[in-house]
Structure formats: C-alpha cells, structure tokens
Amino acid sequence: MARAGLLAIAALWLGTMQAVAGDGIATEGKLSDKDFFRLATCGATPGGDCLGPVVRWSKAEVTVSLAPAHRRCPPKLAKAMSEALDRAISETNRAGAGIRLLRDDRLSAPDIIVSRPALSEGERTRNIPRMPNGHEIGVGFMWLWWDEQAEITEASMLIAEDITIEDLPSVMLEELFQCLGFLYDIENRYYEGRLILSQDSNATTRLAGQDRMIPRRLYP
C-alpha cells in the first residue's frame, strides 16, 4: 500500500518502548505462502531472518471504536470514514480466521481505536490516543503495543484529513488489517493491485489469495 509516511510499530517490552520503522520489504515474484507469512508478520525476506517478533492478539474477539472526527472535518468525509471502517471490519471478518472484529463506538477502552485527527500526510503525530508524538504519518498510520509474550495488548490507527475518497477504502482496510499483527508491507511488482499489503498500490479493497491465508495461519 502506498504510504508516504513510515510504518511504525511499538512494543511494550518489560516496561520499555521499542520502535521499528521502515518501508516495504523488497522481494521479487510471487512468494510461497510460508515466505509471504513470514514477511508480513516478522519482516523476513525469503530465507532471511526476522526483523522483529511475530505478534498476535490472544483473544478471539477484538473490539474497534471510531473516535469522533475533529471539529473541522467535512461531514461527507467523516461519514465516508465510518462507512469505510464498517466495510473493512466486514472484509476482515470474512477472511475466515479465528479472530473477529466487533465495532462499538461507545466503548471507553476498545482494543483498537481509530482516530480522525486534524493531521495531513507528512505531518507528525500529536495527541493521538496510544501513539507517541513526533512520528511522520502517511494518509494512514498505525501503532501497536504488545507484551513480553508477544501478545498485542492495544492498537491505535488514524486516517489523515487529506485522504481522498478514492483511497479511503483501501487505506482503512490496510491499517485495520495490520492491527492484527501484519506489520510489514511488501514491495514487489507482482503484488501491486493484488494484495492489501502491497507497498506501491492503493487499489486493493478486498482480501483475497495470500491476504486471506495469513490471518487464517496466525489465528487458526
């Protein structure tokens, strides 16, 4: 998925925050299911070492809440973001994995919180729930926390106010999908327009093929 900002991941590890930042993992041609799973979850190239741990939610049901849009957000965009989140949740649940996303905007402490701040692509995070300040964002951005057992404890994602309506469905789906533990994009011409984790395309709005395989493998 094309995102100008950095992919940021944070871990709560024995009380210390650790951050990893980077762009897509470069590969060539179609990967085996095993190689694609390792790339998406730990950043490994085929035959290579992991860049970080494989993290996952320990629960079968994960709650999602959409925070109120900032006060200057156009109503049309705010509505489109809500609708895109519903579609992204539905699409993720249809993958058939042993995890289910449940939306409830009334929750005070959801597992995943989706923010709609007054921030544009290229600006830095500030005052976003569960996100450190000072990280450059793309049109979408996510941040995870996990414990010493590599179990995700909470997640936060945002959608920038300057996102286009055309890019919104794909970006929303990718950010939500990555909140399940699929932290790394893939930079590979074969996957452009085919998979949600493609670094160089915002065309994908459905989970198919290996996109559907990896959540089933991580959450059997």
Foldseek 3Di string as FASTA:
>chain_A
DAFPFWAWEWECEVNDIDIDTDAFQEDEDDDDLVQVLQCQFFNAHVVGDGNDDRAAAPDQEFEEAEDDAPPPQPPVVRVLLVVLLVLLQVQLVVLPFSHHYHYDNVDPAGQEYEYHYAAAQQDWDDPFPPDDTDGGTTQKYKYWYYYNVRYTRHIYMYGYSPDDSQLNNLRSNLRVLCRRRRRHAHDYVVCALPASSHRPHSNDNHQDDSSSVNSNVVGD
